[in-house]
PDB file of all heavy atoms in Angstrom:
ATOM      1  N   GLU A   1       8.783  -4.680  -3.252  1.00  0.00           N
ATOM      2  CA  GLU A   1       9.335  -3.586  -2.473  1.00  0.00           C
ATOM      3  C   GLU A   1       8.291  -2.489  -2.275  1.00  0.00           C
ATOM      4  O   GLU A   1       7.650  -2.055  -3.235  1.00  0.00           O
ATOM      5  CB  GLU A   1      10.564  -3.002  -3.178  1.00  0.00           C
ATOM      6  CG  GLU A   1      11.190  -1.811  -2.473  1.00  0.00           C
ATOM      7  CD  GLU A   1      12.307  -1.183  -3.274  1.00  0.00           C
ATOM      8  OE1 GLU A   1      12.377  -1.429  -4.495  1.00  0.00           O
ATOM      9  OE2 GLU A   1      13.131  -0.454  -2.680  1.00  0.00           O
ATOM     10  N   PHE A   2       8.152  -2.045  -1.051  1.00  0.00           N
ATOM     11  CA  PHE A   2       7.268  -0.930  -0.754  1.00  0.00           C
ATOM     12  C   PHE A   2       7.810   0.353  -1.368  1.00  0.00           C
ATOM     13  O   PHE A   2       8.996   0.662  -1.252  1.00  0.00           O
ATOM     14  CB  PHE A   2       7.127  -0.763   0.757  1.00  0.00           C
ATOM     15  CG  PHE A   2       6.462   0.517   1.166  1.00  0.00           C
ATOM     16  CD1 PHE A   2       5.101   0.702   0.988  1.00  0.00           C
ATOM     17  CD2 PHE A   2       7.204   1.545   1.732  1.00  0.00           C
ATOM     18  CE1 PHE A   2       4.488   1.880   1.363  1.00  0.00           C
ATOM     19  CE2 PHE A   2       6.602   2.728   2.110  1.00  0.00           C
ATOM     20  CZ  PHE A   2       5.241   2.893   1.925  1.00  0.00           C
ATOM     21  N   VAL A   3       6.920   1.114  -1.994  1.00  0.00           N
ATOM     22  CA  VAL A   3       7.316   2.359  -2.649  1.00  0.00           C
ATOM     23  C   VAL A   3       6.745   3.577  -1.930  1.00  0.00           C
ATOM     24  O   VAL A   3       7.481   4.492  -1.548  1.00  0.00           O
ATOM     25  CB  VAL A   3       6.880   2.368  -4.122  1.00  0.00           C
ATOM     26  CG1 VAL A   3       7.187   3.716  -4.761  1.00  0.00           C
ATOM     27  CG2 VAL A   3       7.573   1.245  -4.885  1.00  0.00           C
ATOM     28  N   ALA A   4       5.430   3.606  -1.746  1.00  0.00           N
ATOM     29  CA  ALA A   4       4.799   4.789  -1.177  1.00  0.00           C
ATOM     30  C   ALA A   4       3.399   4.459  -0.699  1.00  0.00           C
ATOM     31  O   ALA A   4       2.776   3.504  -1.158  1.00  0.00           O
ATOM     32  CB  ALA A   4       4.732   5.922  -2.213  1.00  0.00           C
ATOM     33  N   VAL A   5       2.894   5.276   0.208  1.00  0.00           N
ATOM     34  CA  VAL A   5       1.534   5.131   0.701  1.00  0.00           C
ATOM     35  C   VAL A   5       0.979   6.503   1.040  1.00  0.00           C
ATOM     36  O   VAL A   5       1.730   7.415   1.418  1.00  0.00           O
ATOM     37  CB  VAL A   5       1.486   4.200   1.937  1.00  0.00           C
ATOM     38  CG1 VAL A   5       2.196   4.832   3.129  1.00  0.00           C
ATOM     39  CG2 VAL A   5       0.054   3.825   2.284  1.00  0.00           C
ATOM     40  N   VAL A   6      -0.320   6.659   0.892  1.00  0.00           N
ATOM     41  CA  VAL A   6      -1.011   7.875   1.285  1.00  0.00           C
ATOM     42  C   VAL A   6      -2.262   7.477   2.053  1.00  0.00           C
ATOM     43  O   VAL A   6      -2.950   6.522   1.690  1.00  0.00           O
ATOM     44  CB  VAL A   6      -1.351   8.763   0.066  1.00  0.00           C
ATOM     45  CG1 VAL A   6      -2.223   8.020  -0.939  1.00  0.00           C
ATOM     46  CG2 VAL A   6      -2.020  10.057   0.503  1.00  0.00           C
ATOM     47  N   SER A   7      -2.553   8.199   3.113  1.00  0.00           N
ATOM     48  CA  SER A   7      -3.707   7.892   3.934  1.00  0.00           C
ATOM     49  C   SER A   7      -4.996   8.227   3.196  1.00  0.00           C
ATOM     50  O   SER A   7      -5.000   8.895   2.162  1.00  0.00           O
ATOM     51  CB  SER A   7      -3.640   8.668   5.251  1.00  0.00           C
ATOM     52  OG  SER A   7      -3.657  10.062   5.013  1.00  0.00           O
ATOM     53  N   ALA A   8      -6.100   7.760   3.753  1.00  0.00           N
ATOM     54  CA  ALA A   8      -7.395   7.958   3.101  1.00  0.00           C
ATOM     55  C   ALA A   8      -7.691   9.428   2.846  1.00  0.00           C
ATOM     56  O   ALA A   8      -8.210   9.796   1.789  1.00  0.00           O
ATOM     57  CB  ALA A   8      -8.500   7.322   3.940  1.00  0.00           C
ATOM     58  N   GLY A   9      -7.380  10.260   3.806  1.00  0.00           N
ATOM     59  CA  GLY A   9      -7.646  11.678   3.661  1.00  0.00           C
ATOM     60  C   GLY A   9      -6.541  12.452   2.962  1.00  0.00           C
ATOM     61  O   GLY A   9      -6.709  13.647   2.692  1.00  0.00           O
ATOM     62  N   GLY A  10      -5.432  11.800   2.690  1.00  0.00           N
ATOM     63  CA  GLY A  10      -4.327  12.446   2.006  1.00  0.00           C
ATOM     64  C   GLY A  10      -3.380  13.205   2.904  1.00  0.00           C
ATOM     65  O   GLY A  10      -2.417  13.805   2.416  1.00  0.00           O
ATOM     66  N   GLY A  11      -3.612  13.180   4.203  1.00  0.00           N
ATOM     67  CA  GLY A  11      -2.800  13.959   5.114  1.00  0.00           C
ATOM     68  C   GLY A  11      -1.500  13.309   5.543  1.00  0.00           C
ATOM     69  O   GLY A  11      -0.665  13.976   6.160  1.00  0.00           O
ATOM     70  N   PHE A  12      -1.341  12.045   5.262  1.00  0.00           N
ATOM     71  CA  PHE A  12      -0.140  11.316   5.644  1.00  0.00           C
ATOM     72  C   PHE A  12       0.421  10.598   4.436  1.00  0.00           C
ATOM     73  O   PHE A  12      -0.322   9.952   3.691  1.00  0.00           O
ATOM     74  CB  PHE A  12      -0.446  10.306   6.751  1.00  0.00           C
ATOM     75  CG  PHE A  12       0.671   9.349   7.031  1.00  0.00           C
ATOM     76  CD1 PHE A  12       1.735   9.714   7.837  1.00  0.00           C
ATOM     77  CD2 PHE A  12       0.663   8.077   6.481  1.00  0.00           C
ATOM     78  CE1 PHE A  12       2.773   8.836   8.098  1.00  0.00           C
ATOM     79  CE2 PHE A  12       1.696   7.187   6.732  1.00  0.00           C
ATOM     80  CZ  PHE A  12       2.750   7.573   7.539  1.00  0.00           C
ATOM     81  N   THR A  13       1.719  10.708   4.244  1.00  0.00           N
ATOM     82  CA  THR A  13       2.414   9.957   3.211  1.00  0.00           C
ATOM     83  C   THR A  13       3.696   9.380   3.773  1.00  0.00           C
ATOM     84  O   THR A  13       4.284   9.925   4.712  1.00  0.00           O
ATOM     85  CB  THR A  13       2.750  10.823   1.987  1.00  0.00           C
ATOM     86  OG1 THR A  13       3.561  11.932   2.395  1.00  0.00           O
ATOM     87  CG2 THR A  13       1.486  11.335   1.322  1.00  0.00           C
ATOM     88  N   SER A  14       4.119   8.286   3.185  1.00  0.00           N
ATOM     89  CA  SER A  14       5.367   7.666   3.571  1.00  0.00           C
ATOM     90  C   SER A  14       5.976   7.008   2.348  1.00  0.00           C
ATOM     91  O   SER A  14       5.247   6.565   1.447  1.00  0.00           O
ATOM     92  CB  SER A  14       5.147   6.635   4.679  1.00  0.00           C
ATOM     93  OG  SER A  14       6.380   6.095   5.132  1.00  0.00           O
ATOM     94  N   TYR A  15       7.307   6.929   2.318  1.00  0.00           N
ATOM     95  CA  TYR A  15       8.008   6.420   1.148  1.00  0.00           C
ATOM     96  C   TYR A  15       9.092   5.437   1.537  1.00  0.00           C
ATOM     97  O   TYR A  15       9.679   5.520   2.618  1.00  0.00           O
ATOM     98  CB  TYR A  15       8.660   7.568   0.374  1.00  0.00           C
ATOM     99  CG  TYR A  15       7.669   8.580  -0.138  1.00  0.00           C
ATOM    100  CD1 TYR A  15       7.319   9.687   0.629  1.00  0.00           C
ATOM    101  CD2 TYR A  15       7.081   8.432  -1.384  1.00  0.00           C
ATOM    102  CE1 TYR A  15       6.397  10.610   0.170  1.00  0.00           C
ATOM    103  CE2 TYR A  15       6.160   9.354  -1.855  1.00  0.00           C
ATOM    104  CZ  TYR A  15       5.822  10.441  -1.071  1.00  0.00           C
ATOM    105  OH  TYR A  15       4.908  11.356  -1.541  1.00  0.00           O
ATOM    106  N   GLY A  16       9.351   4.517   0.633  1.00  0.00           N
ATOM    107  CA  GLY A  16      10.481   3.643   0.813  1.00  0.00           C
ATOM    108  C   GLY A  16      11.777   4.420   0.679  1.00  0.00           C
ATOM    109  O   GLY A  16      11.858   5.426  -0.027  1.00  0.00           O
ATOM    110  N   ASP A  17      12.808   3.935   1.351  1.00  0.00           N
ATOM    111  CA  ASP A  17      14.075   4.656   1.370  1.00  0.00           C
ATOM    112  C   ASP A  17      14.649   4.873  -0.026  1.00  0.00           C
ATOM    113  O   ASP A  17      15.277   5.902  -0.294  1.00  0.00           O
ATOM    114  CB  ASP A  17      15.093   3.904   2.226  1.00  0.00           C
ATOM    115  CG  ASP A  17      14.761   3.962   3.700  1.00  0.00           C
ATOM    116  OD1 ASP A  17      13.992   4.847   4.114  1.00  0.00           O
ATOM    117  OD2 ASP A  17      15.291   3.122   4.451  1.00  0.00           O
ATOM    118  N   SER A  18      14.447   3.930  -0.905  1.00  0.00           N
ATOM    119  CA  SER A  18      15.057   4.000  -2.223  1.00  0.00           C
ATOM    120  C   SER A  18      14.432   5.067  -3.124  1.00  0.00           C
ATOM    121  O   SER A  18      15.023   5.427  -4.148  1.00  0.00           O
ATOM    122  CB  SER A  18      14.985   2.643  -2.920  1.00  0.00           C
ATOM    123  OG  SER A  18      13.644   2.246  -3.129  1.00  0.00           O
ATOM    124  N   VAL A  19      13.258   5.579  -2.758  1.00  0.00           N
ATOM    125  CA  VAL A  19      12.581   6.544  -3.621  1.00  0.00           C
ATOM    126  C   VAL A  19      12.349   7.887  -2.947  1.00  0.00           C
ATOM    127  O   VAL A  19      11.834   8.814  -3.593  1.00  0.00           O
ATOM    128  CB  VAL A  19      11.238   5.997  -4.141  1.00  0.00           C
ATOM    129  CG1 VAL A  19      11.444   4.653  -4.827  1.00  0.00           C
ATOM    130  CG2 VAL A  19      10.224   5.873  -3.011  1.00  0.00           C
ATOM    131  N   LYS A  20      12.718   8.027  -1.705  1.00  0.00           N
ATOM    132  CA  LYS A  20      12.515   9.287  -0.996  1.00  0.00           C
ATOM    133  C   LYS A  20      13.208  10.435  -1.718  1.00  0.00           C
ATOM    134  O   LYS A  20      14.359  10.327  -2.123  1.00  0.00           O
ATOM    135  CB  LYS A  20      13.036   9.182   0.435  1.00  0.00           C
ATOM    136  CG  LYS A  20      12.165   8.353   1.353  1.00  0.00           C
ATOM    137  CD  LYS A  20      12.746   8.308   2.759  1.00  0.00           C
ATOM    138  CE  LYS A  20      11.858   7.486   3.682  1.00  0.00           C
ATOM    139  NZ  LYS A  20      12.436   7.377   5.045  1.00  0.00           N
ATOM    140  N   GLY A  21      12.481  11.524  -1.855  1.00  0.00           N
ATOM    141  CA  GLY A  21      13.018  12.692  -2.527  1.00  0.00           C
ATOM    142  C   GLY A  21      12.833  12.686  -4.024  1.00  0.00           C
ATOM    143  O   GLY A  21      13.038  13.726  -4.668  1.00  0.00           O
ATOM    144  N   ARG A  22      12.461  11.555  -4.589  1.00  0.00           N
ATOM    145  CA  ARG A  22      12.277  11.456  -6.034  1.00  0.00           C
ATOM    146  C   ARG A  22      10.838  11.177  -6.439  1.00  0.00           C
ATOM    147  O   ARG A  22      10.396  11.627  -7.500  1.00  0.00           O
ATOM    148  CB  ARG A  22      13.174  10.360  -6.617  1.00  0.00           C
ATOM    149  CG  ARG A  22      14.659  10.603  -6.406  1.00  0.00           C
ATOM    150  CD  ARG A  22      15.495   9.584  -7.172  1.00  0.00           C
ATOM    151  NE  ARG A  22      15.256   8.227  -6.715  1.00  0.00           N
ATOM    152  CZ  ARG A  22      14.813   7.236  -7.495  1.00  0.00           C
ATOM    153  NH1 ARG A  22      14.561   7.459  -8.777  1.00  0.00           N
ATOM    154  NH2 ARG A  22      14.632   6.012  -6.993  1.00  0.00           N
ATOM    155  N   PHE A  23      10.123  10.418  -5.629  1.00  0.00           N
ATOM    156  CA  PHE A  23       8.752  10.025  -5.945  1.00  0.00           C
ATOM    157  C   PHE A  23       7.778  10.756  -5.033  1.00  0.00           C
ATOM    158  O   PHE A  23       8.083  11.043  -3.868  1.00  0.00           O
ATOM    159  CB  PHE A  23       8.553   8.523  -5.750  1.00  0.00           C
ATOM    160  CG  PHE A  23       9.258   7.647  -6.746  1.00  0.00           C
ATOM    161  CD1 PHE A  23      10.195   8.157  -7.639  1.00  0.00           C
ATOM    162  CD2 PHE A  23       8.972   6.289  -6.788  1.00  0.00           C
ATOM    163  CE1 PHE A  23      10.842   7.333  -8.546  1.00  0.00           C
ATOM    164  CE2 PHE A  23       9.607   5.461  -7.695  1.00  0.00           C
ATOM    165  CZ  PHE A  23      10.546   5.980  -8.573  1.00  0.00           C
ATOM    166  N   THR A  24       6.590  11.023  -5.557  1.00  0.00           N
ATOM    167  CA  THR A  24       5.540  11.660  -4.785  1.00  0.00           C
ATOM    168  C   THR A  24       4.220  10.956  -5.041  1.00  0.00           C
ATOM    169  O   THR A  24       3.815  10.782  -6.193  1.00  0.00           O
ATOM    170  CB  THR A  24       5.392  13.147  -5.151  1.00  0.00           C
ATOM    171  OG1 THR A  24       6.641  13.821  -4.957  1.00  0.00           O
ATOM    172  CG2 THR A  24       4.330  13.802  -4.274  1.00  0.00           C
ATOM    173  N   ILE A  25       3.556  10.557  -3.977  1.00  0.00           N
ATOM    174  CA  ILE A  25       2.246   9.948  -4.091  1.00  0.00           C
ATOM    175  C   ILE A  25       1.184  10.988  -3.774  1.00  0.00           C
ATOM    176  O   ILE A  25       1.362  11.829  -2.902  1.00  0.00           O
ATOM    177  CB  ILE A  25       2.114   8.721  -3.167  1.00  0.00           C
ATOM    178  CG1 ILE A  25       0.818   7.954  -3.447  1.00  0.00           C
ATOM    179  CG2 ILE A  25       2.215   9.117  -1.699  1.00  0.00           C
ATOM    180  CD1 ILE A  25       0.722   6.616  -2.736  1.00  0.00           C
ATOM    181  N   SER A  26       0.082  10.925  -4.491  1.00  0.00           N
ATOM    182  CA  SER A  26      -1.022  11.837  -4.247  1.00  0.00           C
ATOM    183  C   SER A  26      -2.320  11.149  -4.642  1.00  0.00           C
ATOM    184  O   SER A  26      -2.304  10.106  -5.296  1.00  0.00           O
ATOM    185  CB  SER A  26      -0.848  13.145  -5.022  1.00  0.00           C
ATOM    186  OG  SER A  26      -0.839  12.906  -6.417  1.00  0.00           O
ATOM    187  N   ARG A  27      -3.422  11.726  -4.247  1.00  0.00           N
ATOM    188  CA  ARG A  27      -4.709  11.152  -4.597  1.00  0.00           C
ATOM    189  C   ARG A  27      -5.717  12.244  -4.859  1.00  0.00           C
ATOM    190  O   ARG A  27      -5.623  13.361  -4.322  1.00  0.00           O
ATOM    191  CB  ARG A  27      -5.213  10.208  -3.493  1.00  0.00           C
ATOM    192  CG  ARG A  27      -5.541  10.906  -2.181  1.00  0.00           C
ATOM    193  CD  ARG A  27      -5.787   9.885  -1.070  1.00  0.00           C
ATOM    194  NE  ARG A  27      -6.920   9.029  -1.357  1.00  0.00           N
ATOM    195  CZ  ARG A  27      -7.123   7.831  -0.805  1.00  0.00           C
ATOM    196  NH1 ARG A  27      -6.230   7.341   0.059  1.00  0.00           N
ATOM    197  NH2 ARG A  27      -8.198   7.121  -1.122  1.00  0.00           N
ATOM    198  N   ASP A  28      -6.686  11.925  -5.685  1.00  0.00           N
ATOM    199  CA  ASP A  28      -7.792  12.807  -5.982  1.00  0.00           C
ATOM    200  C   ASP A  28      -9.056  11.996  -5.712  1.00  0.00           C
ATOM    201  O   ASP A  28      -9.492  11.210  -6.549  1.00  0.00           O
ATOM    202  CB  ASP A  28      -7.744  13.289  -7.427  1.00  0.00           C
ATOM    203  CG  ASP A  28      -8.803  14.329  -7.734  1.00  0.00           C
ATOM    204  OD1 ASP A  28      -9.795  14.429  -6.991  1.00  0.00           O
ATOM    205  OD2 ASP A  28      -8.636  15.051  -8.730  1.00  0.00           O
ATOM    206  N   ASN A  29      -9.607  12.174  -4.543  1.00  0.00           N
ATOM    207  CA  ASN A  29     -10.760  11.366  -4.162  1.00  0.00           C
ATOM    208  C   ASN A  29     -11.989  11.651  -5.022  1.00  0.00           C
ATOM    209  O   ASN A  29     -12.836  10.779  -5.197  1.00  0.00           O
ATOM    210  CB  ASN A  29     -11.078  11.582  -2.684  1.00  0.00           C
ATOM    211  CG  ASN A  29     -10.089  10.887  -1.776  1.00  0.00           C
ATOM    212  OD1 ASN A  29      -9.261  10.089  -2.225  1.00  0.00           O
ATOM    213  ND2 ASN A  29     -10.162  11.185  -0.482  1.00  0.00           N
ATOM    214  N   ALA A  30     -12.079  12.856  -5.551  1.00  0.00           N
ATOM    215  CA  ALA A  30     -13.192  13.176  -6.436  1.00  0.00           C
ATOM    216  C   ALA A  30     -13.132  12.374  -7.726  1.00  0.00           C
ATOM    217  O   ALA A  30     -14.165  12.130  -8.356  1.00  0.00           O
ATOM    218  CB  ALA A  30     -13.214  14.666  -6.740  1.00  0.00           C
ATOM    219  N   LYS A  31     -11.928  11.969  -8.131  1.00  0.00           N
ATOM    220  CA  LYS A  31     -11.743  11.178  -9.341  1.00  0.00           C
ATOM    221  C   LYS A  31     -11.464   9.712  -9.052  1.00  0.00           C
ATOM    222  O   LYS A  31     -11.225   8.934  -9.978  1.00  0.00           O
ATOM    223  CB  LYS A  31     -10.607  11.747 -10.182  1.00  0.00           C
ATOM    224  CG  LYS A  31     -10.865  13.149 -10.698  1.00  0.00           C
ATOM    225  CD  LYS A  31      -9.705  13.643 -11.547  1.00  0.00           C
ATOM    226  CE  LYS A  31      -9.983  15.019 -12.099  1.00  0.00           C
ATOM    227  NZ  LYS A  31      -8.849  15.527 -12.919  1.00  0.00           N
ATOM    228  N   ASN A  32     -11.472   9.330  -7.797  1.00  0.00           N
ATOM    229  CA  ASN A  32     -11.174   7.952  -7.400  1.00  0.00           C
ATOM    230  C   ASN A  32      -9.855   7.475  -7.990  1.00  0.00           C
ATOM    231  O   ASN A  32      -9.746   6.360  -8.510  1.00  0.00           O
ATOM    232  CB  ASN A  32     -12.305   7.017  -7.827  1.00  0.00           C
ATOM    233  CG  ASN A  32     -13.512   7.101  -6.922  1.00  0.00           C
ATOM    234  OD1 ASN A  32     -13.639   8.005  -6.104  1.00  0.00           O
ATOM    235  ND2 ASN A  32     -14.421   6.137  -7.066  1.00  0.00           N
ATOM    236  N   THR A  33      -8.846   8.314  -7.898  1.00  0.00           N
ATOM    237  CA  THR A  33      -7.570   8.020  -8.531  1.00  0.00           C
ATOM    238  C   THR A  33      -6.416   8.361  -7.602  1.00  0.00           C
ATOM    239  O   THR A  33      -6.447   9.383  -6.907  1.00  0.00           O
ATOM    240  CB  THR A  33      -7.416   8.800  -9.840  1.00  0.00           C
ATOM    241  OG1 THR A  33      -8.493   8.469 -10.725  1.00  0.00           O
ATOM    242  CG2 THR A  33      -6.107   8.459 -10.530  1.00  0.00           C
ATOM    243  N   VAL A  34      -5.404   7.501  -7.612  1.00  0.00           N
ATOM    244  CA  VAL A  34      -4.163   7.756  -6.903  1.00  0.00           C
ATOM    245  C   VAL A  34      -3.045   7.827  -7.927  1.00  0.00           C
ATOM    246  O   VAL A  34      -3.077   7.129  -8.949  1.00  0.00           O
ATOM    247  CB  VAL A  34      -3.887   6.678  -5.832  1.00  0.00           C
ATOM    248  CG1 VAL A  34      -3.704   5.301  -6.469  1.00  0.00           C
ATOM    249  CG2 VAL A  34      -2.672   7.055  -4.997  1.00  0.00           C
ATOM    250  N   TYR A  35      -2.060   8.669  -7.674  1.00  0.00           N
ATOM    251  CA  TYR A  35      -0.978   8.899  -8.612  1.00  0.00           C
ATOM    252  C   TYR A  35       0.368   8.620  -7.953  1.00  0.00           C
ATOM    253  O   TYR A  35       0.523   8.723  -6.738  1.00  0.00           O
ATOM    254  CB  TYR A  35      -0.981  10.345  -9.104  1.00  0.00           C
ATOM    255  CG  TYR A  35      -2.284  10.790  -9.699  1.00  0.00           C
ATOM    256  CD1 TYR A  35      -3.230  11.466  -8.928  1.00  0.00           C
ATOM    257  CD2 TYR A  35      -2.576  10.541 -11.034  1.00  0.00           C
ATOM    258  CE1 TYR A  35      -4.426  11.879  -9.476  1.00  0.00           C
ATOM    259  CE2 TYR A  35      -3.776  10.952 -11.589  1.00  0.00           C
ATOM    260  CZ  TYR A  35      -4.699  11.621 -10.801  1.00  0.00           C
ATOM    261  OH  TYR A  35      -5.888  12.029 -11.360  1.00  0.00           O
ATOM    262  N   LEU A  36       1.329   8.302  -8.782  1.00  0.00           N
ATOM    263  CA  LEU A  36       2.707   8.219  -8.341  1.00  0.00           C
ATOM    264  C   LEU A  36       3.551   9.002  -9.335  1.00  0.00           C
ATOM    265  O   LEU A  36       3.757   8.554 -10.464  1.00  0.00           O
ATOM    266  CB  LEU A  36       3.189   6.776  -8.255  1.00  0.00           C
ATOM    267  CG  LEU A  36       4.611   6.599  -7.719  1.00  0.00           C
ATOM    268  CD1 LEU A  36       4.666   6.976  -6.238  1.00  0.00           C
ATOM    269  CD2 LEU A  36       5.103   5.167  -7.922  1.00  0.00           C
TER     270      LEU A  36
END
């Protein structure tokens, strides 16, 4: 099941219906890390 996605620059995010409003995706390109 798709949960979340963030664009390379971090300006776009999208979430699966089942997690909208509860989950947040983010990234720190300086640390080469993505978070949920």
